[in-house]
Amino acid sequence: MPCANRPREAARGSALILALITVFLATSISAALIASLGRNIDTASALQDQRQARLLARGAVDWARNVLSDDVRRTPTDHLQELWAVDIPPLPVDDAGEEGEVAGRIQDRSGLFNLNTLITGEQPDAVALEQFARLLMALDIPEGQARTLAQSLQLALVPATQTAPDDGLPHSPLVDPLELASVSGFDSDLIERLLPFVTALPAEQSTINLNTAPPEMLFAVTHGLTMEAARRLAAEREHAWYRTVAEYASRLPSGARLISIATCAVRSRYFLVTGRARSGSATVSIEVLLDRTENWPTILWQKLL
């Protein structure tokens, strides 16, 4: 009899093991499904936060466009004491129950040296060459080296139809000042020093705003001006900005003169707007280059950071 019970006991043992395995598998699958559902919910929530953050950041850009549009209707000049030049600190936002914040910043780009002006109508521009060489000198580059660097960049921007197209140089307008890295002599250290003072904009109708130009740029566009005098002129603008280019010229020290009146202005056309926003767990930053040719600024390019 004991031998006859063994098959039945073995069968019951196998059934028990099978039941335990079934429960284990069911529990594992349920746990995996619950975890997957949780991840899907988290992903959906994160995507929603991301979408809302982008909308808020774009709202900061639209705010900037409104400010610049209003400004161009009210005043004939642009200077650093105007509303558009004040950074908007992070402001709390309650977006459909989600806590967040939004901030914005408008930076003038017409007060910087536009690298693309080194070529005008596919031809080298002598005035821009002189201005860029003086900008390099303002950064403590020796005059001889500064002029060599300026000429190297100008040659690099000459259209490929007029020079060797396979030398690895841009031979077209720059989109980003960081492209200077492809030009001989412009190492990372020099580019980093240049970045606060240069930009890459369409060359047509690009002028330098004397009200927003840093002292180094005032030095660059003015023959016979020392850096000390340039800093003094820049400081004076905080109380009395220039209403005309002629007014700037009238305040220059004896012996100083503008290299070219035609390349200077007291109004800005190009602005870089940065919008930053947070919604829930998502944070988004967006950069937009605006062209204020008309009353309502148009977007030349935009990128998410």
Protein backbone atom coordinates (compact mmCIF):
# COMPACT_ATOMS: atom_id res chain seq x y z
CA MET A 1 0.00 0.00 0.00
CA PRO A 2 2.64 2.55 0.72
CA CYS A 3 3.97 2.00 -2.77
CA ALA A 4 0.52 2.54 -4.29
CA ASN A 5 0.17 5.95 -2.58
CA ARG A 6 3.42 7.31 -3.98
CA PRO A 7 2.10 8.12 -7.50
CA ARG A 8 -0.85 9.94 -6.00
CA GLU A 9 1.41 11.91 -3.65
CA ALA A 10 3.75 12.73 -6.51
CA ALA A 11 0.80 13.93 -8.59
CA ARG A 12 -0.43 16.11 -5.75
CA GLY A 13 3.09 17.52 -5.31
CA SER A 14 3.37 18.31 -9.01
CA ALA A 15 -0.03 20.00 -8.97
CA LEU A 16 1.02 22.10 -5.97
CA ILE A 17 4.23 23.14 -7.67
CA LEU A 18 2.32 23.98 -10.85
CA ALA A 19 -0.16 26.06 -8.84
CA LEU A 20 2.66 27.93 -7.13
CA ILE A 21 4.34 28.63 -10.48
CA THR A 22 1.01 29.84 -11.91
CA VAL A 23 0.47 32.21 -8.96
CA PHE A 24 4.05 33.45 -9.25
CA LEU A 25 3.67 34.13 -12.96
CA ALA A 26 0.32 35.82 -12.48
CA THR A 27 1.75 37.99 -9.72
CA SER A 28 4.80 38.89 -11.83
CA ILE A 29 2.68 39.78 -14.85
CA SER A 30 0.35 41.89 -12.71
CA ALA A 31 3.30 43.70 -11.16
CA ALA A 32 4.79 44.32 -14.61
CA LEU A 33 1.46 45.64 -15.90
CA ILE A 34 1.08 47.96 -12.92
CA ALA A 35 4.67 49.19 -13.33
CA SER A 36 4.10 49.71 -17.05
CA LEU A 37 0.91 51.62 -16.35
CA GLY A 38 2.77 53.78 -13.85
CA ARG A 39 5.49 54.51 -16.38
CA ASN A 40 2.90 55.36 -19.03
CA ILE A 41 1.14 57.73 -16.65
CA ASP A 42 4.49 59.32 -15.72
CA THR A 43 5.43 59.64 -19.40
CA ALA A 44 2.08 61.18 -20.31
CA SER A 45 2.38 63.62 -17.40
CA ALA A 46 5.95 64.54 -18.40
CA LEU A 47 4.90 65.09 -22.01
CA GLN A 48 2.04 67.32 -20.87
CA ASP A 49 4.42 69.32 -18.67
CA GLN A 50 6.82 69.64 -21.60
CA ARG A 51 4.06 70.92 -23.91
CA GLN A 52 2.87 73.43 -21.33
CA ALA A 53 6.43 74.65 -20.66
CA ARG A 54 6.96 75.20 -24.39
CA LEU A 55 3.75 77.20 -24.63
CA LEU A 56 4.80 79.34 -21.67
CA ALA A 57 8.26 79.92 -23.15
CA ARG A 58 6.73 80.90 -26.49
CA GLY A 59 4.45 83.24 -24.54
CA ALA A 60 7.56 85.03 -23.26
CA VAL A 61 8.69 85.47 -26.88
CA ASP A 62 5.32 86.94 -27.84
CA TRP A 63 5.58 89.27 -24.85
CA ALA A 64 8.94 90.46 -26.21
CA ARG A 65 7.50 91.03 -29.67
CA ASN A 66 4.73 93.14 -28.17
CA VAL A 67 7.21 95.20 -26.15
CA LEU A 68 9.41 95.84 -29.19
CA SER A 69 6.42 96.64 -31.38
CA ASP A 70 5.15 99.18 -28.88
CA ASP A 71 8.62 100.67 -28.48
CA VAL A 72 9.15 101.31 -32.20
CA ARG A 73 5.86 103.23 -32.37
CA ARG A 74 6.65 105.41 -29.36
CA THR A 75 10.31 106.36 -29.71
CA PRO A 76 12.73 107.06 -32.60
CA THR A 77 15.77 105.70 -30.73
CA ASP A 78 16.76 102.56 -28.86
CA HIS A 79 18.89 102.66 -25.71
CA LEU A 80 19.60 100.56 -22.64
CA GLN A 81 17.29 102.52 -20.31
CA GLU A 82 14.15 101.43 -22.17
CA LEU A 83 11.62 98.85 -21.01
CA TRP A 84 12.79 96.19 -23.48
CA ALA A 85 16.28 96.22 -21.95
CA VAL A 86 15.01 95.16 -18.50
CA ASP A 87 15.17 91.41 -17.84
CA ILE A 88 11.94 89.88 -16.58
CA PRO A 89 12.75 87.73 -13.52
CA PRO A 90 11.02 84.35 -13.08
CA LEU A 91 7.32 84.99 -12.44
CA PRO A 92 5.10 82.33 -10.85
CA VAL A 93 2.43 80.84 -13.09
CA ASP A 94 -0.51 78.63 -12.08
CA ASP A 95 -1.17 76.77 -15.30
CA ALA A 96 -4.30 74.57 -15.03
CA GLY A 97 -3.40 73.63 -11.48
CA GLU A 98 0.28 73.01 -12.29
CA GLU A 99 2.79 75.28 -10.58
CA GLY A 100 5.33 76.87 -12.88
CA GLU A 101 7.21 80.04 -13.77
CA VAL A 102 8.14 82.06 -16.82
CA ALA A 103 10.92 84.57 -17.53
CA GLY A 104 12.12 86.50 -20.54
CA ARG A 105 15.06 88.54 -21.78
CA ILE A 106 15.59 90.83 -24.77
CA GLN A 107 19.15 91.49 -25.92
CA ASP A 108 20.02 93.99 -28.62
CA ARG A 109 22.11 92.59 -31.47
CA SER A 110 22.46 95.78 -33.50
CA GLY A 111 25.04 97.15 -31.08
CA LEU A 112 27.47 94.35 -31.95
CA PHE A 113 29.74 93.87 -34.95
CA ASN A 114 27.98 91.89 -37.66
CA LEU A 115 30.65 89.57 -39.07
CA ASN A 116 28.77 89.25 -42.35
CA THR A 117 29.26 92.95 -43.15
CA LEU A 118 32.86 92.14 -44.05
CA ILE A 119 31.40 91.25 -47.45
CA THR A 120 28.99 93.63 -49.22
CA GLY A 121 27.44 92.54 -52.49
CA GLU A 122 29.90 89.62 -52.69
CA GLN A 123 32.81 92.07 -52.47
CA PRO A 124 35.18 92.79 -49.54
CA ASP A 125 34.11 95.84 -47.53
CA ALA A 126 37.00 98.13 -46.55
CA VAL A 127 35.06 99.99 -43.83
CA ALA A 128 33.94 96.79 -42.07
CA LEU A 129 37.49 95.44 -42.34
CA GLU A 130 38.85 98.49 -40.51
CA GLN A 131 36.13 98.30 -37.85
CA PHE A 132 36.73 94.61 -37.18
CA ALA A 133 40.49 95.11 -36.97
CA ARG A 134 39.96 97.87 -34.39
CA LEU A 135 37.59 95.60 -32.42
CA LEU A 136 40.35 93.00 -32.22
CA MET A 137 42.75 95.73 -31.10
CA ALA A 138 40.26 96.69 -28.37
CA LEU A 139 40.66 93.12 -27.10
CA ASP A 140 44.41 93.65 -26.77
CA ILE A 141 45.35 91.96 -30.04
CA PRO A 142 48.46 93.71 -31.48
CA GLU A 143 47.59 95.88 -34.47
CA GLY A 144 49.54 93.86 -37.03
CA GLN A 145 48.00 90.58 -35.89
CA ALA A 146 44.54 92.18 -35.68
CA ARG A 147 44.69 93.31 -39.31
CA THR A 148 45.93 89.89 -40.45
CA LEU A 149 43.08 88.16 -38.62
CA ALA A 150 40.52 90.57 -40.05
CA GLN A 151 41.79 89.95 -43.58
CA SER A 152 41.75 86.17 -43.05
CA LEU A 153 38.11 86.26 -42.01
CA GLN A 154 37.15 88.55 -44.87
CA LEU A 155 38.80 86.18 -47.37
CA ALA A 156 36.98 83.25 -45.77
CA LEU A 157 33.63 84.98 -46.38
CA VAL A 158 34.24 85.76 -50.06
CA PRO A 159 31.68 83.68 -52.03
CA ALA A 160 32.95 80.34 -53.30
CA THR A 161 32.26 81.43 -56.89
CA GLN A 162 35.14 83.88 -56.58
CA THR A 163 37.70 81.67 -54.82
CA ALA A 164 38.72 78.06 -54.20
CA PRO A 165 35.62 76.26 -52.91
CA ASP A 166 37.46 73.27 -51.44
CA ASP A 167 39.66 74.96 -48.84
CA GLY A 168 37.32 74.16 -45.93
CA LEU A 169 36.33 77.81 -45.31
CA PRO A 170 32.71 79.02 -45.10
CA HIS A 171 32.68 81.21 -48.27
CA SER A 172 29.13 82.22 -47.37
CA PRO A 173 27.45 84.33 -44.69
CA LEU A 174 27.89 83.02 -41.16
CA VAL A 175 24.90 81.76 -39.22
CA ASP A 176 26.69 81.53 -35.86
CA PRO A 177 29.86 83.31 -34.65
CA LEU A 178 31.14 79.91 -33.49
CA GLU A 179 31.82 79.17 -37.16
CA LEU A 180 34.91 81.34 -36.72
CA ALA A 181 36.60 78.14 -35.55
CA SER A 182 37.05 77.14 -39.21
CA VAL A 183 39.11 80.27 -39.97
CA SER A 184 42.89 80.26 -39.49
CA GLY A 185 44.01 82.17 -36.39
CA PHE A 186 40.67 82.08 -34.59
CA ASP A 187 41.32 79.63 -31.78
CA SER A 188 38.85 78.84 -28.99
CA ASP A 189 40.35 81.45 -26.64
CA LEU A 190 40.02 84.27 -29.18
CA ILE A 191 36.49 83.23 -30.15
CA GLU A 192 35.43 83.21 -26.50
CA ARG A 193 36.79 86.75 -26.11
CA LEU A 194 35.00 87.89 -29.26
CA LEU A 195 31.57 86.38 -28.55
CA PRO A 196 30.26 89.26 -26.37
CA PHE A 197 30.96 91.73 -29.19
CA VAL A 198 30.09 90.00 -32.46
CA THR A 199 27.03 88.54 -34.12
CA ALA A 200 26.04 86.91 -37.41
CA LEU A 201 23.13 88.71 -39.07
CA PRO A 202 21.99 89.43 -42.60
CA ALA A 203 24.43 91.99 -43.96
CA GLU A 204 21.85 94.13 -45.75
CA GLN A 205 20.82 97.28 -43.86
CA SER A 206 22.83 96.21 -40.85
CA THR A 207 24.02 99.21 -38.83
CA ILE A 208 25.64 99.58 -35.42
CA ASN A 209 23.52 101.22 -32.73
CA LEU A 210 25.76 103.69 -30.90
CA ASN A 211 23.36 103.72 -27.93
CA THR A 212 23.69 99.99 -27.21
CA ALA A 213 27.20 99.26 -28.49
CA PRO A 214 29.66 98.24 -25.73
CA PRO A 215 32.75 100.46 -25.26
CA GLU A 216 34.84 98.06 -27.38
CA MET A 217 32.49 98.65 -30.31
CA LEU A 218 32.56 102.43 -29.86
CA PHE A 219 36.35 102.13 -30.06
CA ALA A 220 36.02 99.95 -33.16
CA VAL A 221 33.88 102.40 -35.16
CA THR A 222 35.73 105.56 -34.13
CA HIS A 223 39.18 106.61 -35.31
CA GLY A 224 41.32 108.39 -32.73
CA LEU A 225 39.32 107.13 -29.74
CA THR A 226 41.05 105.52 -26.75
CA MET A 227 39.43 102.73 -24.75
CA GLU A 228 39.30 105.06 -21.73
CA ALA A 229 37.35 107.63 -23.76
CA ALA A 230 35.09 104.88 -25.16
CA ARG A 231 34.19 103.73 -21.65
CA ARG A 232 33.44 107.32 -20.65
CA LEU A 233 31.12 107.78 -23.64
CA ALA A 234 29.33 104.52 -22.80
CA ALA A 235 28.84 105.61 -19.17
CA GLU A 236 27.42 108.98 -20.24
CA ARG A 237 24.64 107.23 -22.20
CA GLU A 238 23.03 106.14 -18.94
CA HIS A 239 21.92 109.74 -18.43
CA ALA A 240 21.94 111.16 -21.95
CA TRP A 241 21.68 108.72 -24.84
CA TYR A 242 22.28 109.79 -28.42
CA ARG A 243 19.28 111.04 -30.37
CA THR A 244 21.20 111.12 -33.63
CA VAL A 245 24.51 109.87 -35.01
CA ALA A 246 25.56 113.50 -35.38
CA GLU A 247 25.05 114.00 -31.63
CA TYR A 248 27.45 111.13 -30.94
CA ALA A 249 30.00 112.70 -33.28
CA SER A 250 29.63 116.05 -31.51
CA ARG A 251 30.52 114.50 -28.14
CA LEU A 252 33.74 112.89 -29.38
CA PRO A 253 37.05 114.16 -28.00
CA SER A 254 39.24 116.30 -30.21
CA GLY A 255 40.81 114.33 -33.06
CA ALA A 256 38.32 111.45 -32.93
CA ARG A 257 35.88 110.75 -35.79
CA LEU A 258 33.58 108.02 -36.99
CA ILE A 259 35.10 105.70 -39.59
CA SER A 260 31.77 105.71 -41.43
CA ILE A 261 28.61 107.60 -40.49
CA ALA A 262 26.57 105.40 -42.85
CA THR A 263 27.31 102.22 -40.84
CA CYS A 264 26.06 103.71 -37.55
CA ALA A 265 22.61 104.42 -36.16
CA VAL A 266 20.75 105.17 -32.92
CA ARG A 267 18.02 102.57 -33.52
CA SER A 268 18.17 98.76 -33.44
CA ARG A 269 16.72 96.30 -35.91
CA TYR A 270 17.80 92.89 -34.58
CA PHE A 271 17.08 91.46 -31.12
CA LEU A 272 17.77 88.11 -29.46
CA VAL A 273 14.95 86.98 -27.21
CA THR A 274 15.30 84.20 -24.63
CA GLY A 275 12.19 82.70 -23.06
CA ARG A 276 12.50 80.35 -20.09
CA ALA A 277 9.59 78.46 -18.56
CA ARG A 278 8.84 75.68 -16.10
CA SER A 279 5.63 73.71 -15.84
CA GLY A 280 5.44 70.87 -13.35
CA SER A 281 8.60 68.80 -13.80
CA ALA A 282 9.55 70.21 -17.23
CA THR A 283 11.78 73.20 -17.96
CA VAL A 284 12.17 74.70 -21.45
CA SER A 285 14.31 77.52 -22.85
CA ILE A 286 13.87 78.99 -26.30
CA GLU A 287 16.00 81.49 -28.25
CA VAL A 288 14.56 83.57 -31.06
CA LEU A 289 16.23 86.12 -33.35
CA LEU A 290 13.83 88.92 -34.25
CA ASP A 291 14.02 91.35 -37.17
CA ARG A 292 12.11 94.54 -36.39
CA THR A 293 11.94 95.86 -39.93
CA GLU A 294 8.22 96.40 -39.59
CA ASN A 295 6.21 97.33 -36.49
CA TRP A 296 5.63 93.64 -35.64
CA PRO A 297 9.03 91.86 -35.35
CA THR A 298 9.45 88.79 -37.53
CA ILE A 299 11.22 85.61 -36.44
CA LEU A 300 14.41 84.85 -38.42
CA TRP A 301 15.19 81.66 -36.51
CA GLN A 302 14.37 79.93 -33.27
CA LYS A 303 15.84 77.05 -31.32
CA LEU A 304 15.08 75.13 -28.16
CA LEU A 305 17.93 75.00 -25.65
